[in-house]
N, C-alpha and C. Protein backbone atom coordinates (compact mmCIF):
# COMPACT_ATOMS: atom_id res chain seq x y z
N MET A 1 -24.22 -1.12 13.42
CA MET A 1 -22.81 -1.09 13.23
C MET A 1 -22.20 -0.06 14.30
N GLU A 2 -21.65 -0.76 15.18
CA GLU A 2 -20.87 0.21 16.25
C GLU A 2 -19.84 0.99 15.28
N LYS A 3 -19.14 1.70 15.93
CA LYS A 3 -17.74 2.34 15.80
C LYS A 3 -16.70 1.68 15.82
N THR A 4 -16.73 1.31 17.15
CA THR A 4 -15.71 0.52 17.41
C THR A 4 -15.08 -1.03 16.74
N ALA A 5 -16.69 -1.15 15.81
CA ALA A 5 -16.14 -2.68 15.42
C ALA A 5 -15.59 -2.58 14.06
N LEU A 6 -15.72 -1.25 13.54
CA LEU A 6 -14.86 -1.04 12.01
C LEU A 6 -13.84 -0.87 12.82
N ASN A 7 -12.14 -1.49 12.42
CA ASN A 7 -11.12 -0.75 11.98
C ASN A 7 -10.11 -1.09 11.16
N LYS A 8 -10.30 -1.22 9.93
CA LYS A 8 -10.25 -1.92 8.75
C LYS A 8 -10.71 -0.86 7.36
N ASN A 9 -9.63 -1.12 6.63
CA ASN A 9 -10.37 -0.39 5.38
C ASN A 9 -10.44 -1.61 4.51
N TYR A 10 -11.96 -1.21 3.45
CA TYR A 10 -12.41 -2.17 3.26
C TYR A 10 -12.62 -2.16 1.10
N ILE A 11 -12.11 -3.24 0.92
CA ILE A 11 -12.64 -2.73 -0.62
C ILE A 11 -13.71 -3.29 -1.18
N VAL A 12 -14.80 -2.16 -1.44
CA VAL A 12 -16.29 -2.90 -2.24
C VAL A 12 -16.64 -2.19 -3.60
N SER A 13 -17.59 -2.82 -4.12
CA SER A 13 -18.09 -2.39 -5.11
C SER A 13 -19.35 -1.63 -5.52
N ASP A 14 -19.53 -0.90 -6.21
CA ASP A 14 -21.14 -0.18 -6.12
C ASP A 14 -21.69 -0.95 -6.97
N GLN A 15 -23.27 -0.44 -7.46
CA GLN A 15 -24.08 -1.47 -8.50
C GLN A 15 -23.24 -1.33 -9.81
N ASP A 16 -21.95 -0.40 -10.12
CA ASP A 16 -22.14 -0.46 -11.56
C ASP A 16 -21.04 -1.34 -11.56
N GLY A 17 -20.31 -1.75 -10.66
CA GLY A 17 -19.09 -2.55 -10.21
C GLY A 17 -17.79 -1.94 -10.26
N ASN A 18 -17.96 -0.44 -9.64
CA ASN A 18 -17.10 0.32 -9.34
C ASN A 18 -15.75 0.30 -8.40
N LYS A 19 -14.86 -0.14 -8.04
CA LYS A 19 -14.17 -0.14 -6.72
C LYS A 19 -14.53 0.96 -5.93
N ILE A 20 -14.39 0.97 -4.59
CA ILE A 20 -14.37 1.99 -3.77
C ILE A 20 -13.71 1.73 -1.96
N VAL A 21 -12.94 1.95 -1.69
CA VAL A 21 -11.98 1.99 -0.40
C VAL A 21 -13.09 2.70 0.97
N LEU A 22 -13.70 1.95 1.75
CA LEU A 22 -14.17 2.58 2.71
C LEU A 22 -13.24 2.47 3.90
N ILE A 23 -13.07 3.62 4.25
CA ILE A 23 -11.92 4.34 5.48
C ILE A 23 -12.79 4.16 6.21
N ASN A 24 -12.33 3.34 7.72
CA ASN A 24 -12.49 3.06 8.77
C ASN A 24 -11.55 4.09 9.96
N ASP A 25 -10.46 4.20 9.81
CA ASP A 25 -9.48 4.25 10.45
C ASP A 25 -9.41 5.73 9.90
N ILE A 26 -10.26 7.00 11.11
CA ILE A 26 -10.09 8.56 11.03
C ILE A 26 -9.32 9.15 11.81
N HIS A 27 -8.50 9.67 10.59
CA HIS A 27 -7.61 10.20 11.88
C HIS A 27 -7.74 11.60 12.45
N PHE A 28 -8.80 12.36 11.49
CA PHE A 28 -9.28 13.84 11.44
C PHE A 28 -10.56 13.56 11.76
N LYS A 29 -11.49 14.09 13.03
CA LYS A 29 -12.42 14.27 12.90
C LYS A 29 -13.18 15.63 12.57
N SER A 30 -12.68 16.63 12.72
CA SER A 30 -13.31 17.73 12.40
C SER A 30 -12.28 18.26 10.85
N ARG A 31 -13.41 19.34 10.88
CA ARG A 31 -13.43 19.71 9.22
C ARG A 31 -12.56 20.71 9.76
N ARG A 32 -12.10 21.01 10.54
CA ARG A 32 -11.29 22.56 10.86
C ARG A 32 -9.65 21.83 11.41
N ASN A 33 -9.46 23.11 10.99
CA ASN A 33 -8.05 22.95 11.65
C ASN A 33 -6.72 21.41 11.41
N ILE A 34 -6.89 21.10 10.12
CA ILE A 34 -6.10 20.21 9.97
C ILE A 34 -4.56 20.15 10.18
N ASN A 35 -3.90 19.57 11.04
CA ASN A 35 -2.73 19.61 11.45
C ASN A 35 -2.07 18.56 10.23
N TRP A 36 -1.56 19.47 8.77
CA TRP A 36 -0.99 19.04 7.70
C TRP A 36 0.51 18.17 8.14
N ASP A 37 0.91 18.69 9.40
CA ASP A 37 2.27 18.16 9.51
C ASP A 37 2.56 16.93 10.17
N LYS A 38 1.19 16.50 10.47
CA LYS A 38 1.24 15.26 11.30
C LYS A 38 0.60 14.47 10.01
N VAL A 39 -0.02 14.64 9.25
CA VAL A 39 -0.06 14.16 7.92
C VAL A 39 0.69 13.51 7.74
N GLU A 40 1.77 14.57 7.04
CA GLU A 40 3.04 14.17 6.62
C GLU A 40 4.16 13.64 7.40
N ASP A 41 3.80 13.35 9.16
CA ASP A 41 4.36 12.86 8.98
C ASP A 41 4.15 11.21 9.31
N TYR A 42 2.78 10.87 9.44
CA TYR A 42 2.02 9.50 9.25
C TYR A 42 2.66 9.29 7.44
N LEU A 43 2.70 10.05 6.94
CA LEU A 43 3.03 9.17 5.66
C LEU A 43 4.10 8.89 5.23
N LYS A 44 5.03 9.34 6.25
CA LYS A 44 6.79 8.74 6.39
C LYS A 44 6.47 7.49 6.43
N ARG A 45 5.60 6.82 7.19
CA ARG A 45 5.73 5.18 7.33
C ARG A 45 5.74 4.57 6.01
N PHE A 46 5.22 5.40 5.22
CA PHE A 46 5.05 4.43 3.40
C PHE A 46 6.20 4.72 2.78
N ILE A 47 7.25 5.04 3.45
CA ILE A 47 8.39 5.31 2.24
C ILE A 47 9.04 4.19 1.71
N GLY A 48 9.15 4.26 0.90
CA GLY A 48 10.66 2.68 0.71
C GLY A 48 9.05 1.58 0.35
N LYS A 49 7.82 1.45 0.25
CA LYS A 49 7.10 0.50 -0.19
C LYS A 49 6.59 0.91 -1.32
N SER A 50 5.70 -0.37 -1.75
CA SER A 50 5.40 -0.46 -2.86
C SER A 50 4.27 -1.48 -2.96
N TYR A 51 3.31 -0.74 -3.90
CA TYR A 51 2.32 -1.46 -4.29
C TYR A 51 1.81 -1.60 -5.46
N VAL A 52 0.68 -2.70 -6.03
CA VAL A 52 0.52 -3.10 -7.47
C VAL A 52 -1.31 -2.51 -7.60
N ILE A 53 -1.09 -1.68 -8.62
CA ILE A 53 -2.83 -1.45 -9.00
C ILE A 53 -3.00 -2.61 -10.28
N ILE A 54 -3.69 -2.98 -9.42
CA ILE A 54 -4.35 -4.48 -9.62
C ILE A 54 -5.21 -4.68 -11.23
N GLU A 55 -5.46 -3.10 -12.13
CA GLU A 55 -6.17 -3.36 -13.43
C GLU A 55 -4.77 -3.02 -14.38
N THR A 56 -3.41 -2.80 -13.96
CA THR A 56 -2.70 -2.31 -14.77
C THR A 56 -1.46 -3.34 -14.49
N THR A 57 -1.24 -4.08 -12.92
CA THR A 57 -0.37 -5.01 -12.65
C THR A 57 0.99 -3.75 -12.15
N GLU A 58 0.78 -2.72 -13.00
CA GLU A 58 2.01 -1.86 -12.26
C GLU A 58 2.76 -1.39 -11.19
N VAL A 59 3.71 -1.73 -10.39
CA VAL A 59 4.20 -1.29 -9.19
C VAL A 59 4.40 -0.03 -9.33
N VAL A 60 3.79 0.68 -8.41
CA VAL A 60 3.76 2.11 -7.44
C VAL A 60 4.67 2.41 -6.36
N TYR A 61 5.97 3.16 -6.41
CA TYR A 61 6.54 3.28 -5.29
C TYR A 61 6.41 4.29 -4.40
N ILE A 62 6.63 4.50 -2.97
CA ILE A 62 6.47 5.73 -2.03
C ILE A 62 7.99 6.11 -1.96
N ALA A 63 7.81 7.48 -2.59
CA ALA A 63 9.71 8.02 -2.60
C ALA A 63 9.60 8.87 -0.79
N SER A 64 10.49 9.42 -0.77
CA SER A 64 11.05 10.94 0.14
C SER A 64 9.92 11.74 0.08
N ASP A 65 10.10 12.22 -1.43
CA ASP A 65 9.20 13.45 -2.09
C ASP A 65 7.65 13.37 -1.40
N PHE A 66 6.83 12.00 -1.38
CA PHE A 66 5.72 11.99 -1.01
C PHE A 66 5.10 12.61 -0.21
N PRO A 67 5.50 12.33 1.58
CA PRO A 67 4.86 13.18 2.79
C PRO A 67 4.78 14.59 2.17
N ASP A 68 5.58 15.18 1.79
CA ASP A 68 5.54 16.60 1.62
C ASP A 68 4.96 17.03 0.90
N GLU A 69 4.72 16.43 -0.45
CA GLU A 69 4.03 17.26 -1.51
C GLU A 69 2.50 16.74 -1.13
N TYR A 70 2.19 15.75 -0.37
CA TYR A 70 0.92 15.36 -0.04
C TYR A 70 0.04 16.51 1.09
N ALA A 71 1.11 16.41 2.19
CA ALA A 71 0.77 17.58 2.66
C ALA A 71 0.89 19.29 2.45
N HIS A 72 1.66 19.20 1.80
CA HIS A 72 1.95 20.60 1.50
C HIS A 72 1.81 21.35 -0.10
N SER A 73 1.23 20.66 -0.69
CA SER A 73 0.89 20.86 -2.23
C SER A 73 -0.46 21.69 -2.21
N ASN A 74 -0.42 22.73 -3.68
CA ASN A 74 -0.72 23.65 -3.72
C ASN A 74 -2.76 23.38 -3.96
N ASP A 75 -3.00 21.90 -3.95
CA ASP A 75 -4.07 21.38 -4.24
C ASP A 75 -4.23 21.01 -3.06
N THR A 76 -3.69 20.71 -1.98
CA THR A 76 -3.83 20.61 -0.37
C THR A 76 -4.62 21.98 0.37
N LYS A 77 -3.68 22.71 -0.29
CA LYS A 77 -3.50 24.81 0.38
C LYS A 77 -5.10 24.69 -0.25
N LYS A 78 -5.63 24.64 -1.04
CA LYS A 78 -7.14 24.95 -1.95
C LYS A 78 -8.13 24.14 -0.71
N ALA A 79 -7.85 23.15 -0.59
CA ALA A 79 -9.26 22.27 -0.01
C ALA A 79 -9.94 22.95 1.08
N ARG A 80 -10.82 22.64 1.05
CA ARG A 80 -12.05 22.77 2.17
C ARG A 80 -12.82 22.22 2.85
N GLY A 81 -13.23 22.40 3.94
CA GLY A 81 -14.19 21.30 4.73
C GLY A 81 -14.37 20.14 4.18
N ALA A 82 -15.22 19.38 3.95
CA ALA A 82 -15.13 18.13 4.34
C ALA A 82 -13.65 17.43 2.89
N ASN A 83 -13.76 18.11 1.59
CA ASN A 83 -13.37 17.87 0.60
C ASN A 83 -11.70 17.87 1.90
N GLU A 84 -11.22 18.94 2.24
CA GLU A 84 -10.48 18.71 2.95
C GLU A 84 -10.33 17.51 4.22
N LYS A 85 -10.72 17.33 4.74
CA LYS A 85 -11.08 16.57 6.08
C LYS A 85 -11.13 14.96 5.49
N ALA A 86 -11.55 14.76 3.93
CA ALA A 86 -11.53 13.46 3.46
C ALA A 86 -9.97 13.03 3.15
N LYS A 87 -9.18 14.41 2.48
CA LYS A 87 -7.79 13.70 1.39
C LYS A 87 -7.06 13.85 3.25
N ALA A 88 -6.99 14.34 3.92
CA ALA A 88 -6.66 14.46 5.41
C ALA A 88 -6.57 12.83 5.50
N ASN A 89 -8.15 12.19 5.54
CA ASN A 89 -8.19 10.72 6.16
C ASN A 89 -8.17 10.02 5.31
N ALA A 90 -7.85 9.86 3.78
CA ALA A 90 -7.02 8.96 2.45
C ALA A 90 -5.76 8.66 3.31
N ILE A 91 -5.19 9.44 4.05
CA ILE A 91 -3.94 8.63 4.86
C ILE A 91 -3.59 7.28 4.78
N SER A 92 -5.23 6.91 5.66
CA SER A 92 -4.79 5.37 6.39
C SER A 92 -5.02 4.13 5.21
N ALA A 93 -5.34 4.66 4.09
CA ALA A 93 -5.79 4.12 2.83
C ALA A 93 -5.11 4.06 1.37
N ILE A 94 -3.76 4.10 1.32
CA ILE A 94 -3.07 4.54 0.56
C ILE A 94 -2.76 3.49 -0.35
N GLN A 95 -2.42 2.08 0.43
CA GLN A 95 -2.29 0.75 -0.31
C GLN A 95 -3.62 0.46 -1.25
N GLU A 96 -4.57 0.48 -0.64
CA GLU A 96 -5.95 0.77 -1.31
C GLU A 96 -5.72 1.21 -2.14
N LEU A 97 -5.88 2.38 -1.90
CA LEU A 97 -6.16 3.58 -3.29
C LEU A 97 -5.23 3.20 -4.47
N ILE A 98 -3.97 2.67 -4.36
CA ILE A 98 -3.40 2.51 -5.41
C ILE A 98 -3.86 1.50 -6.10
N GLU A 99 -3.90 0.39 -5.19
CA GLU A 99 -4.90 -0.94 -5.83
C GLU A 99 -5.64 -0.45 -6.52
N ILE A 100 -7.16 0.10 -6.34
CA ILE A 100 -8.17 0.20 -7.30
C ILE A 100 -8.05 1.47 -8.29
N ALA A 101 -6.75 1.63 -8.28
CA ALA A 101 -6.77 3.19 -9.01
C ALA A 101 -6.98 2.27 -10.71
N SER A 102 -7.68 3.29 -11.51
CA SER A 102 -7.97 2.93 -13.02
C SER A 102 -8.40 3.75 -13.19
N ASP A 103 -8.58 3.53 -14.82
CA ASP A 103 -8.75 4.97 -15.54
C ASP A 103 -7.30 5.97 -16.26
N LYS A 104 -6.39 4.94 -16.43
CA LYS A 104 -5.02 5.50 -17.16
C LYS A 104 -5.25 6.17 -17.47
N LYS A 105 -4.27 8.23 -17.63
CA LYS A 105 -4.20 8.84 -18.22
C LYS A 105 -2.44 8.79 -18.34
N GLU A 106 -1.99 9.10 -19.60
CA GLU A 106 -1.17 9.74 -19.63
C GLU A 106 -0.63 11.24 -20.23
N THR A 107 0.19 12.07 -19.18
CA THR A 107 0.91 13.00 -19.32
C THR A 107 2.22 13.55 -19.38
N PRO A 108 2.25 14.31 -20.32
CA PRO A 108 3.86 14.55 -20.61
C PRO A 108 4.31 15.70 -19.64
N ASP A 109 5.25 15.61 -19.02
CA ASP A 109 5.74 16.67 -17.50
C ASP A 109 6.16 18.67 -18.67
N TYR A 110 4.95 19.04 -18.66
CA TYR A 110 5.12 19.99 -19.30
C TYR A 110 6.11 20.79 -18.52
N ASN A 111 6.77 21.55 -19.77
CA ASN A 111 7.69 22.73 -19.90
C ASN A 111 9.01 21.97 -18.69
N ASN A 112 9.01 20.50 -18.67
CA ASN A 112 9.95 19.89 -17.74
C ASN A 112 10.07 20.65 -16.78
N ARG A 113 9.05 20.52 -16.09
CA ARG A 113 8.63 21.58 -14.81
C ARG A 113 9.37 20.52 -13.64
N HIS A 114 9.30 19.61 -13.84
CA HIS A 114 10.14 18.47 -12.51
C HIS A 114 11.04 17.92 -12.89
N GLY A 115 11.74 18.34 -14.17
CA GLY A 115 13.24 17.72 -14.46
C GLY A 115 13.10 15.98 -13.98
N ASN A 116 14.07 15.67 -14.25
CA ASN A 116 14.29 14.06 -13.71
C ASN A 116 13.58 13.43 -12.85
N LYS A 117 12.68 13.94 -12.44
CA LYS A 117 11.63 13.57 -11.21
C LYS A 117 10.75 12.72 -12.15
N ALA A 118 10.32 13.30 -13.37
CA ALA A 118 8.77 13.14 -14.03
C ALA A 118 9.12 13.17 -15.66
N LYS A 119 10.89 12.78 -15.65
CA LYS A 119 11.40 12.58 -16.84
C LYS A 119 10.50 12.18 -17.96
N TYR A 120 9.74 10.98 -17.74
CA TYR A 120 9.41 10.37 -18.72
C TYR A 120 7.22 10.64 -18.24
N GLY A 121 7.65 11.69 -18.08
CA GLY A 121 6.04 12.53 -17.32
C GLY A 121 5.16 11.57 -16.02
N TRP A 122 3.76 11.70 -16.50
CA TRP A 122 2.79 11.82 -15.41
C TRP A 122 1.65 10.80 -15.85
N TYR A 123 1.26 9.74 -14.83
CA TYR A 123 0.21 9.27 -15.02
C TYR A 123 -0.97 9.98 -14.23
N ARG A 124 -2.27 9.69 -14.47
CA ARG A 124 -3.28 9.97 -13.37
C ARG A 124 -4.39 8.86 -13.55
N TYR A 125 -4.77 8.72 -12.39
CA TYR A 125 -5.64 7.65 -12.24
C TYR A 125 -6.89 8.43 -11.40
N TYR A 126 -8.01 7.46 -11.62
CA TYR A 126 -9.16 7.70 -10.31
C TYR A 126 -9.02 7.10 -9.55
N ALA A 127 -9.21 6.89 -8.07
CA ALA A 127 -10.08 6.38 -7.48
C ALA A 127 -11.25 7.15 -5.96
N ARG A 128 -11.99 6.20 -5.48
CA ARG A 128 -12.49 6.47 -4.88
C ARG A 128 -12.98 5.78 -3.64
N PHE A 129 -13.24 6.74 -2.49
CA PHE A 129 -13.56 5.77 -0.96
C PHE A 129 -14.08 6.86 -0.36
N GLY A 130 -15.04 6.19 0.92
CA GLY A 130 -15.70 6.42 1.25
C GLY A 130 -15.41 6.89 2.73
N ILE A 131 -16.08 8.38 3.96
CA ILE A 131 -15.69 8.25 4.87
C ILE A 131 -16.58 8.35 5.45
N PRO A 132 -16.32 7.43 6.87
CA PRO A 132 -17.78 6.79 7.49
C PRO A 132 -18.59 8.30 7.97
N ILE A 133 -20.26 8.10 8.13
CA ILE A 133 -21.00 9.36 8.82
C ILE A 133 -21.50 8.79 10.23
N TYR A 134 -21.46 8.83 11.22
CA TYR A 134 -22.52 8.37 12.35
C TYR A 134 -22.75 9.55 12.93
N ASP A 135 -23.95 8.61 13.94
CA ASP A 135 -25.17 9.28 14.31
C ASP A 135 -24.74 9.60 15.95
N GLU A 136 -25.31 10.55 16.38
CA GLU A 136 -24.98 11.14 17.59
C GLU A 136 -24.41 9.63 18.79
N ASP A 137 -24.84 8.82 18.32
CA ASP A 137 -24.83 7.60 19.68
C ASP A 137 -23.88 6.54 19.05
N ASP A 138 -22.87 7.34 17.92
CA ASP A 138 -21.42 6.80 17.47
C ASP A 138 -22.11 5.30 16.67
N VAL A 139 -23.02 4.99 15.78
CA VAL A 139 -23.57 4.25 15.15
C VAL A 139 -23.81 4.68 13.57
N LEU A 140 -23.18 4.12 12.80
CA LEU A 140 -22.49 4.57 11.39
C LEU A 140 -24.08 4.78 10.25
N GLU A 141 -23.58 5.86 10.22
CA GLU A 141 -25.68 5.89 9.32
C GLU A 141 -25.24 5.54 7.89
N ARG A 142 -24.07 5.71 7.06
CA ARG A 142 -23.56 6.13 6.04
C ARG A 142 -22.88 6.48 5.37
N TYR A 143 -21.55 6.36 4.12
CA TYR A 143 -20.69 6.48 4.06
C TYR A 143 -20.32 8.00 2.79
N ASN A 144 -20.11 9.34 3.26
CA ASN A 144 -19.76 9.99 1.91
C ASN A 144 -18.66 9.71 0.66
N ILE A 145 -19.08 9.61 -0.12
CA ILE A 145 -18.41 9.13 -0.91
C ILE A 145 -17.36 9.83 -1.59
N PHE A 146 -16.17 9.82 -2.23
CA PHE A 146 -15.07 11.03 -2.66
C PHE A 146 -14.18 10.17 -3.71
N ARG A 147 -14.32 10.98 -4.81
CA ARG A 147 -13.48 10.91 -5.82
C ARG A 147 -11.71 11.96 -5.52
N THR A 148 -10.76 10.99 -6.32
CA THR A 148 -9.62 11.54 -6.27
C THR A 148 -8.61 11.28 -7.19
N ARG A 149 -8.25 12.05 -7.61
CA ARG A 149 -6.98 11.94 -8.47
C ARG A 149 -5.63 11.76 -8.41
N ILE A 150 -4.96 10.29 -8.63
CA ILE A 150 -3.91 9.62 -8.24
C ILE A 150 -2.94 10.09 -8.98
N LEU A 151 -1.96 10.98 -8.98
CA LEU A 151 -0.93 11.34 -9.83
C LEU A 151 0.54 10.84 -9.63
N ILE A 152 0.84 9.76 -10.37
CA ILE A 152 2.28 9.28 -10.90
C ILE A 152 2.75 9.76 -11.63
N ARG A 153 4.13 9.76 -11.10
CA ARG A 153 5.47 10.07 -11.69
C ARG A 153 6.25 9.04 -12.58
N ARG A 154 6.57 8.94 -13.61
CA ARG A 154 7.43 8.29 -14.16
C ARG A 154 8.87 8.78 -13.95
N ASP A 155 9.92 8.65 -13.30
CA ASP A 155 11.01 9.21 -13.05
C ASP A 155 12.05 8.55 -14.38
N ILE A 156 13.33 9.16 -14.18
CA ILE A 156 14.46 8.70 -15.07
C ILE A 156 14.75 7.41 -15.43
N ASP A 157 14.40 6.76 -13.53
CA ASP A 157 14.78 4.95 -13.52
C ASP A 157 13.44 4.66 -14.07
N GLY A 158 12.82 4.71 -14.82
CA GLY A 158 11.85 4.35 -15.50
C GLY A 158 10.39 3.50 -14.52
N LYS A 159 10.54 3.87 -13.18
CA LYS A 159 9.57 3.86 -12.15
C LYS A 159 9.03 4.19 -12.11
N LEU A 160 8.01 3.82 -11.52
CA LEU A 160 6.65 4.66 -10.90
C LEU A 160 6.89 4.97 -9.60
N TYR A 161 6.68 6.56 -9.17
CA TYR A 161 6.34 7.27 -7.70
C TYR A 161 5.77 7.81 -7.13
N LEU A 162 4.37 8.05 -6.63
CA LEU A 162 3.01 7.94 -5.79
C LEU A 162 3.96 9.47 -5.54
N TYR A 163 3.12 10.66 -6.02
CA TYR A 163 3.11 12.05 -6.15
C TYR A 163 1.76 12.63 -5.26
N ASP A 164 0.96 12.49 -5.28
CA ASP A 164 -0.26 13.39 -4.62
C ASP A 164 -1.59 12.74 -4.55
N LEU A 165 -2.10 13.02 -4.05
CA LEU A 165 -3.79 12.91 -4.34
C LEU A 165 -4.12 13.98 -4.63
N VAL A 166 -4.92 14.32 -5.79
CA VAL A 166 -5.64 15.36 -6.05
C VAL A 166 -6.65 15.85 -6.34
N THR A 167 -6.98 17.08 -6.35
CA THR A 167 -8.99 17.10 -6.94
C THR A 167 -10.02 16.20 -5.90
N THR A 168 -9.67 16.16 -4.46
CA THR A 168 -10.29 15.16 -3.98
C THR A 168 -11.66 16.26 -3.76
N LYS A 169 -13.11 15.61 -4.33
CA LYS A 169 -13.94 15.95 -4.37
C LYS A 169 -15.00 15.02 -4.23
N LYS A 170 -16.30 16.18 -2.48
CA LYS A 170 -17.25 14.60 -2.31
C LYS A 170 -18.65 14.57 -3.95
N GLU A 171 -18.64 13.00 -3.86
CA GLU A 171 -19.59 12.65 -5.13
C GLU A 171 -20.97 12.54 -4.20
N THR A 172 -21.71 13.55 -5.63
CA THR A 172 -23.50 13.58 -4.40
C THR A 172 -24.04 13.13 -5.39
N SER A 173 -23.56 12.48 -6.37
CA SER A 173 -25.09 11.83 -7.89
C SER A 173 -25.43 10.22 -6.91
N LYS A 174 -24.51 9.33 -6.70
CA LYS A 174 -25.21 8.17 -6.26
C LYS A 174 -24.96 7.67 -4.84
N PRO A 175 -25.42 7.38 -4.26
CA PRO A 175 -25.37 6.73 -3.12
C PRO A 175 -25.08 5.19 -3.03
N LEU A 176 -23.87 4.85 -1.88
CA LEU A 176 -24.04 3.35 -1.81
C LEU A 176 -25.05 2.73 -1.34
N GLU A 177 -25.66 1.77 -2.19
CA GLU A 177 -27.41 0.99 -1.95
C GLU A 177 -26.93 -0.74 -2.37
N SER A 178 -26.24 -1.34 -2.75
CA SER A 178 -25.94 -2.48 -2.77
C SER A 178 -24.41 -2.49 -2.85
N LEU A 179 -23.65 -3.12 -1.93
CA LEU A 179 -22.09 -2.85 -1.92
C LEU A 179 -21.77 -4.52 -1.59
N THR A 180 -20.42 -4.81 -2.47
CA THR A 180 -20.13 -6.40 -2.01
C THR A 180 -18.61 -5.82 -1.76
N VAL A 181 -18.20 -6.87 -0.41
CA VAL A 181 -16.88 -6.77 -0.14
C VAL A 181 -16.32 -7.19 -0.59
N ARG A 182 -14.93 -6.98 -0.98
CA ARG A 182 -13.62 -7.92 -1.83
C ARG A 182 -13.47 -8.89 -0.62
């Protein structure tokens, strides 16, 4: 498959029925020198939008604090190599990642660390996404699959707001063998 033929993200299912977003809009090709200010600027286009988590039918809003948190959080500062590149490129699939979020876990705002921003605690979901790997002739070889935790805060207004994608890590256990496109 030619690189130019891919221009949108696809949600597919692996052999176990788990959803994966295949990201084809790669903004950062190198593993070095990710310009996180550019990531933040790109994410500002999502402010004010909302998306629905398919599994729970919950609406998740994008607030003005999301771009800065995503680009400059402690988690982002610790990311290196392929994991850093994956987090930077996940920006083009924010909508799809929210849609396929699964395995909801609720946690409180320990020590009231975030005040009214997370007055009613946090929700953590998991999502998986793939970053394409091309050969020297720009032909798609495979996708490297990553898992990330989607951190969502429950605000004083009762709404859910996307806060960050954390602990983005490459999966090494299961290659994509048979996929079904949604």
